[in-house]
Amino acid sequence: MFPIVLPQLALTFPNLDPILFQIGPIAIRWYSLSYIVGIVLGWLYAKSIVRNNRLWGGQSPITDIDMDDFMLWATIGTVLGGRFGYVFFYDFAGFMADPVSIFQIWQGGMSFHGGFLGVTIAMILFARARKIPVWSLFDVIATVVPIGLGLGRVANFINGELWGRVSDAPWAMAFPTGGPQPRHPSQLYEAALEGALLLAVLFIAVYSFKALHRPRLATGIFVGGYGIARTIVEFFREPDAHLGYLFGDWFTMGMLLSLPMVLIGLVLILSARKVEYLAPETDHA
């Protein structure tokens, strides 16, 4: 039985312009801005973590300069992985029919799972090049990634895309591209769970429970936490029209890609072991 939906009770979508401002042919979009701000804030947060030897129980194995240099690697890995992940996971046939649209990133269409794979490859290559413990780099990046995730989902909401399923919840709203029926603002659910909540959990784990003393722990919390959060939201999010439901009338591609993350996260958490980093050098009189 379908829920009774009362469109007249739906909240009004704010209908913000996806373009923040435009100077001639150059348009700055909320979507692009969310990536830029997320990367910059994540970089600053990561630098504060690697500077704090107390969090490591000794000398941090990563330097400020490492974080500065990795910013470019992270940007390339995130953007390329996110875009090509969306192409292959969500609309391969559509993009093959119009290959030029693959490069029109400003139109939206980024996959977290693809971006996750892209930045993971970038981290492995960078860590090997700099002789950095790869799990330590994973842990730092995992701690700051929810900043970008949260901002990205807010940008999805402003764009009026990736809206939720039809709902009679009092906070449901009718999106311009979602028809007249009110829907869950699932983008904001994701911003809250994958962004704010996961960021807070990782902050507490790192600053109060010394997660960086145990390589893989922060990474496991992030990977498993994201998988759980995304799986929950998928029950409220409308699946992509060209994919629909994979099994029955409830299982989605988002769930298929997220459930393995829960298992991987659990394995990482259980396998994390405490290590002793070198004590920071001190000057002697």
Protein backbone atom coordinates (compact mmCIF):
# COMPACT_ATOMS: atom_id res chain seq x y z
CA MET A 1 0.00 0.00 0.00
CA PHE A 2 1.34 3.40 -0.98
CA PRO A 3 1.44 6.25 1.58
CA ILE A 4 -1.11 9.01 1.25
CA VAL A 5 0.70 12.03 -0.12
CA LEU A 6 -0.67 15.53 0.33
CA PRO A 7 1.18 17.82 -2.09
CA GLN A 8 -0.35 20.96 -0.59
CA LEU A 9 1.50 20.26 2.67
CA ALA A 10 4.92 20.01 1.03
CA LEU A 11 7.60 22.48 2.01
CA THR A 12 8.62 24.96 -0.65
CA PHE A 13 11.94 24.16 -2.28
CA PRO A 14 14.22 27.22 -1.93
CA ASN A 15 15.05 26.98 -5.65
CA LEU A 16 18.46 28.65 -5.39
CA ASP A 17 20.33 29.38 -8.59
CA PRO A 18 22.92 26.60 -9.16
CA ILE A 19 25.25 29.37 -10.40
CA LEU A 20 26.65 31.38 -7.49
CA PHE A 21 27.84 34.19 -9.73
CA GLN A 22 28.89 34.68 -13.33
CA ILE A 23 31.39 37.01 -15.00
CA GLY A 24 30.94 36.89 -18.75
CA PRO A 25 31.22 33.28 -19.92
CA ILE A 26 32.79 32.19 -16.62
CA ALA A 27 30.25 30.76 -14.17
CA ILE A 28 31.03 29.72 -10.62
CA ARG A 29 28.59 27.00 -9.56
CA TRP A 30 27.76 25.84 -6.06
CA TYR A 31 28.68 22.30 -7.11
CA SER A 32 32.20 23.28 -8.17
CA LEU A 33 32.60 25.55 -5.16
CA SER A 34 31.73 22.70 -2.80
CA TYR A 35 34.63 20.64 -4.17
CA ILE A 36 37.06 23.55 -3.94
CA VAL A 37 36.07 24.54 -0.40
CA GLY A 38 35.95 20.89 0.73
CA ILE A 39 39.46 20.22 -0.54
CA VAL A 40 40.88 23.42 0.99
CA LEU A 41 39.24 22.89 4.39
CA GLY A 42 40.27 19.23 4.36
CA TRP A 43 43.84 20.23 3.55
CA LEU A 44 43.98 22.73 6.42
CA TYR A 45 42.49 20.19 8.85
CA ALA A 46 44.94 17.52 7.68
CA LYS A 47 47.87 19.89 8.22
CA SER A 48 46.72 20.54 11.79
CA ILE A 49 46.62 16.78 12.40
CA VAL A 50 50.09 16.02 11.08
CA ARG A 51 51.54 18.92 13.10
CA ASN A 52 50.15 17.55 16.35
CA ASN A 53 52.64 14.93 17.58
CA ARG A 54 50.46 14.23 20.62
CA LEU A 55 47.86 12.64 18.34
CA TRP A 56 50.50 10.21 17.07
CA GLY A 57 52.12 9.34 20.36
CA GLY A 58 55.44 10.46 18.93
CA GLN A 59 56.81 12.16 15.83
CA SER A 60 54.21 12.37 13.08
CA PRO A 61 55.27 10.22 10.11
CA ILE A 62 53.84 12.88 7.74
CA THR A 63 55.04 16.46 7.34
CA ASP A 64 53.42 19.75 6.47
CA ILE A 65 55.16 19.71 3.10
CA ASP A 66 53.78 16.24 2.40
CA MET A 67 50.25 17.55 2.92
CA ASP A 68 50.91 20.57 0.71
CA ASP A 69 52.17 18.38 -2.13
CA PHE A 70 49.46 15.76 -1.73
CA MET A 71 46.70 18.33 -2.23
CA LEU A 72 47.23 18.24 -6.01
CA TRP A 73 47.28 14.43 -6.04
CA ALA A 74 44.07 14.32 -3.99
CA THR A 75 42.30 16.80 -6.28
CA ILE A 76 43.18 14.87 -9.43
CA GLY A 77 42.28 11.51 -7.88
CA THR A 78 38.96 12.78 -6.52
CA VAL A 79 37.80 14.51 -9.70
CA LEU A 80 38.91 11.83 -12.18
CA GLY A 81 37.79 8.94 -10.00
CA GLY A 82 34.48 10.58 -9.13
CA ARG A 83 33.63 11.39 -12.72
CA PHE A 84 34.70 8.12 -14.31
CA GLY A 85 33.10 6.21 -11.46
CA TYR A 86 29.79 7.90 -12.25
CA VAL A 87 30.24 7.13 -15.95
CA PHE A 88 30.92 3.42 -15.41
CA PHE A 89 28.67 2.71 -12.42
CA TYR A 90 25.61 4.79 -13.22
CA ASP A 91 25.16 5.77 -16.88
CA PHE A 92 27.74 4.12 -19.12
CA ALA A 93 25.41 3.76 -22.11
CA GLY A 94 24.28 7.40 -21.88
CA PHE A 95 27.83 8.74 -21.80
CA MET A 96 28.92 6.48 -24.63
CA ALA A 97 26.12 7.97 -26.74
CA ASP A 98 27.52 11.45 -25.99
CA PRO A 99 31.21 11.05 -25.03
CA VAL A 100 31.81 14.82 -24.86
CA SER A 101 29.45 15.01 -21.86
CA ILE A 102 31.94 12.94 -19.85
CA PHE A 103 34.08 16.05 -19.50
CA GLN A 104 31.21 18.42 -18.62
CA ILE A 105 31.74 18.03 -14.87
CA TRP A 106 30.07 21.37 -14.14
CA GLN A 107 26.76 19.77 -15.13
CA GLY A 108 26.99 17.43 -12.12
CA GLY A 109 27.39 13.68 -11.97
CA MET A 110 30.08 12.48 -9.57
CA SER A 111 30.27 9.11 -7.85
CA PHE A 112 31.57 8.94 -4.30
CA HIS A 113 32.65 5.34 -4.80
CA GLY A 114 34.61 6.30 -7.91
CA GLY A 115 36.18 9.28 -6.14
CA PHE A 116 37.05 7.02 -3.22
CA LEU A 117 38.85 4.62 -5.55
CA GLY A 118 40.62 7.47 -7.34
CA VAL A 119 41.94 9.13 -4.20
CA THR A 120 42.93 5.72 -2.78
CA ILE A 121 45.15 5.09 -5.80
CA ALA A 122 46.58 8.59 -5.45
CA MET A 123 47.38 7.97 -1.77
CA ILE A 124 49.15 4.67 -2.47
CA LEU A 125 51.30 6.18 -5.21
CA PHE A 126 52.11 9.29 -3.17
CA ALA A 127 52.96 7.32 -0.01
CA ARG A 128 55.32 5.07 -1.94
CA ALA A 129 56.98 8.05 -3.63
CA ARG A 130 57.52 9.82 -0.27
CA LYS A 131 58.19 6.65 1.76
CA ILE A 132 55.29 7.49 4.08
CA PRO A 133 53.44 4.70 5.97
CA VAL A 134 50.48 4.27 3.66
CA TRP A 135 48.00 3.51 6.45
CA SER A 136 48.99 6.68 8.28
CA LEU A 137 48.21 8.72 5.17
CA PHE A 138 44.93 6.82 4.75
CA ASP A 139 43.98 7.61 8.34
CA VAL A 140 44.63 11.35 8.00
CA ILE A 141 42.70 11.67 4.75
CA ALA A 142 39.84 9.51 6.07
CA THR A 143 39.49 11.88 9.03
CA VAL A 144 39.02 14.96 6.84
CA VAL A 145 37.05 13.59 3.86
CA PRO A 146 33.59 14.03 5.50
CA ILE A 147 34.04 17.80 5.15
CA GLY A 148 33.92 17.52 1.37
CA LEU A 149 31.17 14.91 1.46
CA GLY A 150 28.88 17.12 3.53
CA LEU A 151 29.46 20.20 1.37
CA GLY A 152 28.94 18.18 -1.80
CA ARG A 153 25.56 16.92 -0.63
CA VAL A 154 24.46 20.45 0.26
CA ALA A 155 25.42 21.46 -3.29
CA ASN A 156 23.31 18.55 -4.61
CA PHE A 157 20.37 19.97 -2.65
CA ILE A 158 20.91 23.47 -4.07
CA ASN A 159 21.03 21.97 -7.57
CA GLY A 160 17.73 20.19 -6.88
CA GLU A 161 19.26 16.83 -7.87
CA LEU A 162 19.53 13.37 -6.28
CA TRP A 163 16.27 13.95 -4.42
CA GLY A 164 14.53 11.31 -2.34
CA ARG A 165 11.53 9.07 -2.70
CA VAL A 166 7.95 10.31 -2.54
CA SER A 167 6.98 10.96 1.07
CA ASP A 168 4.25 12.38 3.29
CA ALA A 169 6.77 13.46 5.96
CA PRO A 170 6.09 17.02 7.18
CA TRP A 171 9.53 18.15 5.94
CA ALA A 172 9.12 16.63 2.45
CA MET A 173 9.31 19.05 -0.46
CA ALA A 174 8.56 19.13 -4.17
CA PHE A 175 11.73 19.49 -6.22
CA PRO A 176 11.58 21.32 -9.58
CA THR A 177 12.82 18.25 -11.48
CA GLY A 178 11.08 15.69 -9.28
CA GLY A 179 7.47 16.24 -10.27
CA PRO A 180 4.64 17.70 -8.15
CA GLN A 181 4.80 15.16 -5.35
CA PRO A 182 6.78 15.97 -2.18
CA ARG A 183 9.92 13.96 -1.62
CA HIS A 184 12.49 13.30 1.06
CA PRO A 185 15.33 15.88 0.95
CA SER A 186 17.72 12.92 0.98
CA GLN A 187 20.67 15.12 0.02
CA LEU A 188 20.41 16.78 3.44
CA TYR A 189 20.15 13.37 5.13
CA GLU A 190 23.42 12.45 3.46
CA ALA A 191 25.03 15.77 4.40
CA ALA A 192 24.08 15.11 8.03
CA LEU A 193 25.15 11.44 8.19
CA GLU A 194 28.08 11.19 5.76
CA GLY A 195 29.26 14.70 6.52
CA ALA A 196 28.55 16.16 9.96
CA LEU A 197 28.04 12.95 11.97
CA LEU A 198 30.94 11.01 10.43
CA LEU A 199 33.22 14.04 10.83
CA ALA A 200 32.30 14.28 14.52
CA VAL A 201 32.82 10.55 15.12
CA LEU A 202 36.26 10.64 13.52
CA PHE A 203 37.22 13.81 15.42
CA ILE A 204 36.36 12.10 18.71
CA ALA A 205 38.19 8.93 17.68
CA VAL A 206 41.37 10.82 16.76
CA TYR A 207 41.44 13.45 19.51
CA SER A 208 39.92 11.54 22.43
CA PHE A 209 40.58 7.86 21.71
CA LYS A 210 44.01 8.12 20.03
CA ALA A 211 42.89 6.43 16.81
CA LEU A 212 46.10 7.46 15.01
CA HIS A 213 48.11 5.29 17.42
CA ARG A 214 46.48 2.33 15.65
CA PRO A 215 47.01 2.46 11.86
CA ARG A 216 43.88 1.46 9.92
CA LEU A 217 41.50 2.36 12.75
CA ALA A 218 40.45 5.80 11.49
CA THR A 219 40.28 4.46 7.94
CA GLY A 220 38.08 1.57 9.10
CA ILE A 221 35.76 3.93 10.96
CA PHE A 222 35.40 6.11 7.88
CA VAL A 223 34.92 3.29 5.36
CA GLY A 224 32.48 1.35 7.53
CA GLY A 225 30.72 4.48 8.75
CA TYR A 226 30.18 5.77 5.24
CA GLY A 227 28.89 2.39 4.10
CA ILE A 228 26.34 2.31 6.94
CA ALA A 229 25.27 5.94 6.42
CA ARG A 230 24.87 5.57 2.67
CA THR A 231 22.94 2.31 3.01
CA ILE A 232 20.52 3.96 5.43
CA VAL A 233 19.99 6.96 3.14
CA GLU A 234 19.37 4.70 0.15
CA PHE A 235 16.06 3.69 1.75
CA PHE A 236 14.96 7.33 1.34
CA ARG A 237 16.79 8.29 -1.86
CA GLU A 238 15.21 7.85 -5.29
CA PRO A 239 17.39 5.53 -7.38
CA ASP A 240 18.68 6.81 -10.72
CA ALA A 241 15.90 6.53 -13.31
CA HIS A 242 18.05 4.61 -15.81
CA LEU A 243 19.01 2.05 -13.13
CA GLY A 244 15.96 1.75 -10.91
CA TYR A 245 15.96 -1.01 -8.30
CA LEU A 246 18.35 -3.92 -8.78
CA PHE A 247 16.54 -6.61 -6.80
CA GLY A 248 12.87 -6.37 -5.93
CA ASP A 249 11.63 -2.88 -5.10
CA TRP A 250 14.15 -1.68 -2.54
CA PHE A 251 17.77 -2.68 -3.32
CA THR A 252 19.78 -0.02 -5.19
CA MET A 253 23.18 0.44 -6.82
CA GLY A 254 24.17 2.65 -3.89
CA MET A 255 23.54 -0.22 -1.50
CA LEU A 256 25.41 -2.68 -3.71
CA LEU A 257 28.49 -0.45 -3.66
CA SER A 258 28.22 0.46 0.03
CA LEU A 259 27.62 -2.88 1.74
CA PRO A 260 31.14 -4.19 0.95
CA MET A 261 32.47 -0.99 2.54
CA VAL A 262 30.81 -1.95 5.82
CA LEU A 263 32.58 -5.33 5.79
CA ILE A 264 35.92 -3.80 4.80
CA GLY A 265 35.59 -1.17 7.51
CA LEU A 266 34.90 -3.82 10.13
CA VAL A 267 37.95 -5.84 9.05
CA LEU A 268 40.16 -2.74 9.23
CA ILE A 269 38.90 -1.81 12.70
CA LEU A 270 39.39 -5.32 14.08
CA SER A 271 42.85 -5.65 12.53
CA ALA A 272 44.16 -2.28 13.76
CA ARG A 273 47.11 -2.68 16.09
CA LYS A 274 48.85 -0.12 18.25
CA VAL A 275 52.26 1.03 17.01
CA GLU A 276 54.89 3.22 18.61
CA TYR A 277 56.09 6.13 16.54
CA LEU A 278 59.49 7.69 17.13
CA ALA A 279 59.50 10.22 19.94
CA PRO A 280 59.86 13.81 18.68
CA GLU A 281 63.36 15.16 18.81
CA THR A 282 64.07 17.74 21.49
CA ASP A 283 66.87 20.25 21.90
CA HIS A 284 69.26 19.74 24.81
CA ALA A 285 71.18 22.55 26.42
